[in-house]
Protein backbone atom coordinates (compact mmCIF):
# COMPACT_ATOMS: atom_id res chain seq x y z
CA MET A 1 0.00 0.00 0.00
CA ALA A 2 2.97 2.33 0.48
CA ASP A 3 2.98 3.16 -3.24
CA LYS A 4 -0.71 4.12 -3.27
CA ILE A 5 -1.53 7.68 -4.32
CA LEU A 6 -4.41 9.43 -2.57
CA ARG A 7 -6.59 11.35 -5.01
CA TRP A 8 -7.99 14.52 -3.44
CA GLY A 9 -11.00 16.69 -4.08
CA LEU A 10 -11.71 20.20 -2.81
CA ILE A 11 -15.21 20.75 -1.42
CA SER A 12 -15.72 24.44 -2.30
CA THR A 13 -13.64 27.08 -4.02
CA ALA A 14 -12.84 28.95 -0.78
CA ALA A 15 -9.78 31.18 -0.56
CA ILE A 16 -8.09 28.88 1.97
CA ASN A 17 -7.70 26.31 -0.82
CA ARG A 18 -4.83 28.44 -2.10
CA ARG A 19 -2.84 27.35 0.94
CA LEU A 20 -3.50 23.63 0.56
CA ILE A 21 -3.05 23.32 -3.20
CA PRO A 22 0.76 23.91 -3.12
CA ALA A 23 1.09 21.28 -0.37
CA LEU A 24 -0.84 18.69 -2.40
CA ARG A 25 1.36 19.45 -5.40
CA GLU A 26 4.57 19.17 -3.42
CA SER A 27 3.59 15.80 -1.97
CA GLN A 28 4.79 12.66 -3.74
CA ARG A 29 1.96 10.59 -2.25
CA ASN A 30 -1.08 12.80 -2.83
CA VAL A 31 -2.56 14.34 -5.96
CA LEU A 32 -5.21 17.00 -6.48
CA THR A 33 -7.85 15.50 -8.76
CA GLY A 34 -11.03 17.57 -8.49
CA VAL A 35 -12.87 20.61 -7.19
CA ALA A 36 -16.59 20.93 -6.43
CA SER A 37 -18.88 23.94 -6.27
CA ARG A 38 -22.64 24.37 -6.14
CA ASP A 39 -22.24 26.04 -9.53
CA LEU A 40 -20.67 23.96 -12.31
CA SER A 41 -19.37 26.94 -14.27
CA ARG A 42 -17.67 28.26 -11.14
CA ALA A 43 -16.06 24.88 -10.53
CA GLU A 44 -14.92 24.66 -14.17
CA THR A 45 -13.42 28.15 -14.06
CA TYR A 46 -11.61 27.32 -10.82
CA ALA A 47 -10.36 24.02 -12.25
CA ARG A 48 -8.93 25.78 -15.32
CA GLU A 49 -7.28 28.44 -13.17
CA TRP A 50 -5.59 25.91 -10.89
CA LYS A 51 -5.11 23.17 -13.52
CA ILE A 52 -7.29 20.67 -11.67
CA PRO A 53 -8.42 17.75 -13.87
CA LYS A 54 -12.04 17.41 -12.70
CA ALA A 55 -14.82 19.88 -11.89
CA TYR A 56 -18.14 19.02 -10.24
CA GLY A 57 -21.35 21.04 -10.14
CA SER A 58 -22.29 19.76 -6.68
CA TYR A 59 -20.58 18.39 -3.61
CA GLU A 60 -22.68 15.25 -3.91
CA ALA A 61 -21.30 14.59 -7.40
CA MET A 62 -17.74 14.66 -6.09
CA LEU A 63 -18.57 12.35 -3.19
CA ALA A 64 -20.14 9.87 -5.62
CA ASP A 65 -16.99 9.69 -7.76
CA PRO A 66 -14.93 6.53 -7.04
CA GLU A 67 -11.84 8.29 -8.38
CA ILE A 68 -11.77 10.59 -5.32
CA ASP A 69 -10.17 9.06 -2.21
CA ALA A 70 -9.97 12.05 0.13
CA VAL A 71 -11.57 15.47 0.39
CA TYR A 72 -10.67 18.81 1.91
CA VAL A 73 -13.69 20.55 3.45
CA SER A 74 -13.16 24.31 3.32
CA LEU A 75 -16.77 25.46 3.65
CA PRO A 76 -18.04 27.99 6.24
CA ASN A 77 -17.81 26.71 9.83
CA SER A 78 -21.45 25.67 10.23
CA LEU A 79 -21.13 23.35 7.21
CA HIS A 80 -18.00 21.55 8.39
CA ALA A 81 -19.73 18.82 10.38
CA PRO A 82 -22.54 17.92 7.93
CA TRP A 83 -20.25 17.69 4.92
CA THR A 84 -17.51 15.88 6.84
CA ILE A 85 -20.12 13.31 7.86
CA ALA A 86 -21.47 13.09 4.30
CA ALA A 87 -17.96 12.58 2.93
CA ALA A 88 -17.19 9.89 5.51
CA GLN A 89 -20.44 8.10 4.72
CA ALA A 90 -19.40 8.17 1.06
CA GLY A 91 -16.18 6.38 1.99
CA LYS A 92 -13.86 9.39 1.61
CA HIS A 93 -11.06 10.29 4.00
CA VAL A 94 -11.53 13.86 5.23
CA LEU A 95 -9.29 16.77 6.09
CA CYS A 96 -11.65 19.43 7.45
CA GLU A 97 -10.69 23.03 8.08
CA LYS A 98 -10.79 24.16 11.68
CA PRO A 99 -12.99 24.28 13.59
CA LEU A 100 -14.04 20.72 12.88
CA ALA A 101 -17.43 21.28 14.50
CA GLY A 102 -19.43 23.69 16.63
CA SER A 103 -20.31 21.25 19.41
CA VAL A 104 -19.07 18.05 21.02
CA GLU A 105 -22.24 16.36 19.79
CA GLU A 106 -21.20 17.11 16.21
CA VAL A 107 -17.68 15.81 16.88
CA ASP A 108 -19.19 12.61 18.25
CA ALA A 109 -21.36 12.24 15.14
CA ILE A 110 -18.29 12.76 12.95
CA ALA A 111 -16.36 10.14 14.93
CA LYS A 112 -19.22 7.65 14.54
CA ALA A 113 -19.33 8.22 10.78
CA GLY A 114 -15.60 7.57 10.60
CA GLN A 115 -15.85 4.42 12.71
CA ASP A 116 -18.78 3.10 10.70
CA THR A 117 -16.97 3.46 7.37
CA GLY A 118 -13.33 3.03 8.41
CA VAL A 119 -12.15 6.33 6.96
CA VAL A 120 -9.68 8.76 8.53
CA ILE A 121 -10.91 12.21 9.55
CA ALA A 122 -8.66 15.03 10.70
CA GLU A 123 -9.08 18.65 11.76
CA ALA A 124 -6.77 20.89 9.74
CA PHE A 125 -4.58 22.50 12.39
CA MET A 126 -1.59 22.77 10.07
CA TYR A 127 0.73 24.32 12.69
CA ARG A 128 0.59 21.11 14.76
CA HIS A 129 2.75 19.34 12.16
CA HIS A 130 5.39 22.06 11.75
CA PRO A 131 8.96 21.47 13.02
CA GLN A 132 8.73 24.63 15.13
CA THR A 133 5.75 23.30 17.08
CA LEU A 134 7.38 19.91 17.55
CA LYS A 135 10.53 21.63 18.85
CA VAL A 136 8.58 23.66 21.42
CA LYS A 137 6.95 20.45 22.68
CA GLU A 138 10.37 18.79 22.90
CA LEU A 139 11.82 21.70 24.89
CA LEU A 140 8.94 21.69 27.35
CA ASP A 141 8.99 17.91 27.79
CA ASP A 142 12.77 17.99 28.34
CA GLY A 143 12.39 20.56 31.13
CA ALA A 144 14.20 23.37 29.30
CA ILE A 145 12.45 25.97 31.50
CA GLY A 146 11.70 23.83 34.53
CA PRO A 147 8.17 23.05 35.68
CA LEU A 148 5.66 25.01 33.65
CA ARG A 149 3.70 27.67 35.54
CA TYR A 150 2.07 30.05 33.06
CA ILE A 151 1.09 30.17 29.39
CA HIS A 152 -0.03 33.14 27.33
CA GLY A 153 -1.31 33.10 23.75
CA ALA A 154 -2.80 35.58 21.30
CA PHE A 155 -4.09 35.60 17.74
CA SER A 156 -5.83 38.63 16.26
CA PHE A 157 -6.29 40.72 13.13
CA PHE A 158 -8.41 43.67 12.09
CA LEU A 159 -11.52 42.67 10.14
CA ASN A 160 -13.48 45.49 8.54
CA ARG A 161 -15.41 43.73 5.81
CA PRO A 162 -19.20 43.79 6.25
CA GLY A 163 -20.80 40.55 5.18
CA ASP A 164 -17.70 38.44 5.89
CA VAL A 165 -18.72 34.86 6.79
CA ARG A 166 -16.68 35.15 10.00
CA LEU A 167 -19.20 37.69 11.26
CA ASP A 168 -22.28 35.62 10.42
CA PRO A 169 -23.71 33.74 13.43
CA GLU A 170 -25.68 31.43 11.10
CA LEU A 171 -22.43 30.28 9.50
CA GLY A 172 -20.60 29.64 12.77
CA GLY A 173 -18.80 32.97 12.90
CA GLY A 174 -16.95 34.53 15.80
CA GLY A 175 -13.39 35.29 16.80
CA ILE A 176 -12.92 32.39 19.18
CA TRP A 177 -13.92 29.85 16.53
CA ASP A 178 -11.85 31.52 13.80
CA VAL A 179 -8.60 32.46 15.56
CA GLY A 180 -9.03 31.73 19.27
CA CYS A 181 -9.13 28.02 18.51
CA TYR A 182 -5.41 28.21 17.64
CA PRO A 183 -3.93 29.33 20.98
CA ILE A 184 -6.40 27.07 22.81
CA SER A 185 -5.28 24.12 20.70
CA TYR A 186 -1.60 25.05 21.11
CA GLY A 187 -1.79 25.34 24.89
CA ARG A 188 -3.67 22.05 25.22
CA ALA A 189 -1.18 20.28 22.93
CA MET A 190 1.80 21.49 24.93
CA MET A 191 0.16 20.53 28.22
CA GLY A 192 -0.91 17.13 26.90
CA THR A 193 -4.04 17.25 29.01
CA GLU A 194 -7.33 19.07 29.36
CA ALA A 195 -8.05 22.15 31.47
CA THR A 196 -10.03 21.67 34.65
CA ASP A 197 -11.67 25.12 34.75
CA VAL A 198 -12.19 27.99 32.30
CA PHE A 199 -13.46 31.55 32.42
CA GLY A 200 -14.18 33.83 29.48
CA TRP A 201 -15.15 37.37 28.52
CA GLN A 202 -16.33 38.42 25.09
CA LEU A 203 -16.99 41.60 23.18
CA ARG A 204 -19.86 41.17 20.74
CA GLY A 205 -20.12 42.86 17.39
CA ALA A 206 -23.19 44.15 15.61
CA SER A 207 -24.09 40.71 14.24
CA GLY A 208 -23.95 39.13 17.68
CA VAL A 209 -20.76 37.09 17.30
CA ASP A 210 -17.71 37.72 19.44
CA VAL A 211 -15.25 40.11 17.81
CA GLY A 212 -12.99 40.07 20.86
CA PHE A 213 -12.47 37.29 23.39
CA THR A 214 -10.25 36.83 26.43
CA GLY A 215 -10.11 33.56 28.30
CA GLN A 216 -8.40 31.89 31.22
CA LEU A 217 -7.80 28.17 31.66
CA ARG A 218 -6.48 26.26 34.65
CA PHE A 219 -4.72 22.96 34.05
CA PRO A 220 -3.87 20.23 36.55
CA GLY A 221 -1.01 21.25 38.83
CA ASP A 222 -2.21 24.85 38.80
CA VAL A 223 -0.71 25.76 35.45
CA PHE A 224 -2.57 28.85 34.24
CA PHE A 225 -3.17 29.83 30.63
CA GLN A 226 -4.50 33.17 29.43
CA PHE A 227 -5.29 33.99 25.80
CA ASP A 228 -6.96 36.70 23.76
CA CYS A 229 -8.17 36.78 20.19
CA GLY A 230 -10.41 38.72 17.87
CA PHE A 231 -11.11 40.88 14.88
CA GLN A 232 -10.59 44.37 16.33
CA GLU A 233 -6.84 44.48 16.89
CA THR A 234 -3.77 44.67 14.71
CA PHE A 235 -2.41 41.41 13.36
CA ARG A 236 -0.40 39.50 15.93
CA GLN A 237 0.23 35.95 16.99
CA THR A 238 2.30 34.69 19.89
CA MET A 239 2.70 31.90 22.42
CA GLN A 240 4.70 32.27 25.62
CA PHE A 241 5.55 29.62 28.20
CA VAL A 242 6.88 30.59 31.62
CA GLY A 243 8.53 28.03 33.87
CA GLU A 244 10.35 28.08 37.19
CA THR A 245 13.77 28.45 35.57
CA GLY A 246 13.12 30.07 32.21
CA MET A 247 10.78 31.19 29.47
CA ILE A 248 10.01 30.20 25.88
CA GLN A 249 8.69 32.81 23.45
CA VAL A 250 7.34 31.64 20.08
CA THR A 251 6.98 34.14 17.26
CA GLU A 252 4.46 33.24 14.57
CA PRO A 253 3.40 30.01 16.31
CA PHE A 254 0.36 29.40 14.10
CA THR A 255 1.69 30.31 10.64
CA PRO A 256 5.48 29.98 10.96
CA ARG A 257 7.44 31.65 8.19
CA GLU A 258 11.14 32.17 7.53
CA ALA A 259 11.46 34.86 10.21
CA ALA A 260 9.71 32.74 12.86
CA SER A 261 11.76 31.69 15.84
CA ILE A 262 11.76 30.18 19.31
CA THR A 263 13.51 32.21 22.02
CA VAL A 264 14.56 30.34 25.14
CA LYS A 265 15.64 32.43 28.14
CA ASP A 266 17.08 30.85 31.29
CA ALA A 267 17.07 32.06 34.90
CA ASN A 268 20.29 34.02 34.31
CA ASP A 269 18.73 35.87 31.36
CA LYS A 270 20.87 33.93 28.90
CA THR A 271 19.05 33.75 25.58
CA GLU A 272 19.08 31.15 22.82
CA VAL A 273 17.24 31.73 19.55
CA ILE A 274 16.20 28.63 17.62
CA HIS A 275 15.15 28.77 13.97
CA SER A 276 13.24 25.77 12.69
CA PRO A 277 13.58 24.23 9.21
CA GLN A 278 11.30 25.88 6.69
CA VAL A 279 8.73 23.59 5.15
CA GLU A 280 5.53 24.01 3.15
CA LEU A 281 3.19 24.97 5.99
CA TYR A 282 0.22 22.85 4.92
CA LEU A 283 2.21 19.82 3.78
CA GLY A 284 2.38 18.20 7.22
CA GLU A 285 -1.37 17.80 7.60
CA VAL A 286 -1.64 16.27 4.13
CA GLU A 287 1.15 13.76 4.81
CA ASP A 288 -0.24 12.97 8.26
CA LEU A 289 -3.61 12.06 6.76
CA TYR A 290 -1.87 9.85 4.19
CA ASP A 291 0.13 8.10 6.91
CA ALA A 292 -3.04 7.37 8.87
CA ALA A 293 -5.27 6.46 5.91
CA VAL A 294 -2.81 4.34 3.92
CA LEU A 295 -0.17 3.19 6.39
CA GLY A 296 -2.31 2.98 9.51
CA LYS A 297 -0.08 5.25 11.56
CA PRO A 298 -1.42 7.23 14.56
CA GLN A 299 -2.72 10.70 13.75
CA ARG A 300 -1.10 13.75 15.28
CA VAL A 301 -4.47 15.54 15.61
CA THR A 302 -7.00 12.94 16.70
CA LEU A 303 -10.76 13.30 16.91
CA ALA A 304 -10.43 13.01 20.69
CA ASP A 305 -8.12 16.02 20.57
CA SER A 306 -10.62 17.91 18.40
CA ARG A 307 -13.40 17.00 20.82
CA GLY A 308 -11.37 18.45 23.70
CA ASN A 309 -10.75 21.68 21.85
CA THR A 310 -14.43 21.99 20.94
CA ALA A 311 -15.53 21.30 24.52
CA THR A 312 -13.13 23.95 25.81
CA ILE A 313 -14.42 26.59 23.38
CA GLN A 314 -18.02 25.78 24.23
CA ALA A 315 -17.26 26.09 27.95
CA LEU A 316 -15.51 29.44 27.44
CA LEU A 317 -18.49 30.76 25.49
CA ARG A 318 -20.90 29.60 28.19
CA SER A 319 -18.77 31.28 30.84
CA SER A 320 -18.71 34.54 28.88
CA ARG A 321 -22.51 34.54 28.81
CA THR A 322 -23.12 33.61 32.45
CA GLY A 323 -20.19 35.40 34.09
CA GLN A 324 -19.35 32.18 35.94
CA ALA A 325 -16.36 29.86 35.69
CA GLU A 326 -17.03 26.55 33.94
CA ARG A 327 -15.74 23.28 35.39
CA LEU A 328 -14.47 20.81 32.77
CA ALA A 329 -13.07 18.04 34.95
């Protein structure tokens, strides 16, 4: 099976596809075969532009094609779960853009669909596969800064585009689902466990979704994590880990580029700057799905992990509405 090629289809012509297409073309084990839209002419135009062999005038038509092995779901958030489930039921492996779902019940339904059909389903947190992220995890696990005490994360940008899907509550909009999910996922991945308690505050925009969100999480051992995210600040992304004997600062943790780095500072203020190898950012998630689907290897981002992230976000949103801390465990 190691010489099998996975044939991929894109469910939608969303802008985020532009990030995944280069990764699929760089891979030696995956190939981009088709693109689907609700409008055939749109799909055909997109296929010509990106030199994709097949175009489909509906998502159902793509899922019915036996020449498609795996799909990338890049629809608006509220459509992630139903089309991931539909793809799984059609026997397709699925890489779904984050957030995978808007509730733990949807994640459970997705997991059942995958179990019933034997396909692999993954949430597309591309940063989780990057060498920079793996290096931060290695440093923390090796005790580079001593026992961990405090984590801070942030991801924001200024959004001033009326009608953007990220502002539409019916389409699963909101800052915490769009960008806040990244620092939450990062902190949980580095801790390797779930938070016990969370508390959140949100600033709502005119449409009713959160355009600014600040949250606090407490992990076992009284490790505290604070993050903020939203659409009303300048672009920034950061993760910081503070231990008893040092600190790790990660620039561009979620979309590492050439200038991205890890800064490790010890108790004597001695600083080491670590630059990670540069790789195609979205390639790791594509190769990870191949490894799981074809070779049977463990996934780096499991559905259990996605369920934990979803449960944490839901709890933070509940807390922001009630003004009370939410107990998770």
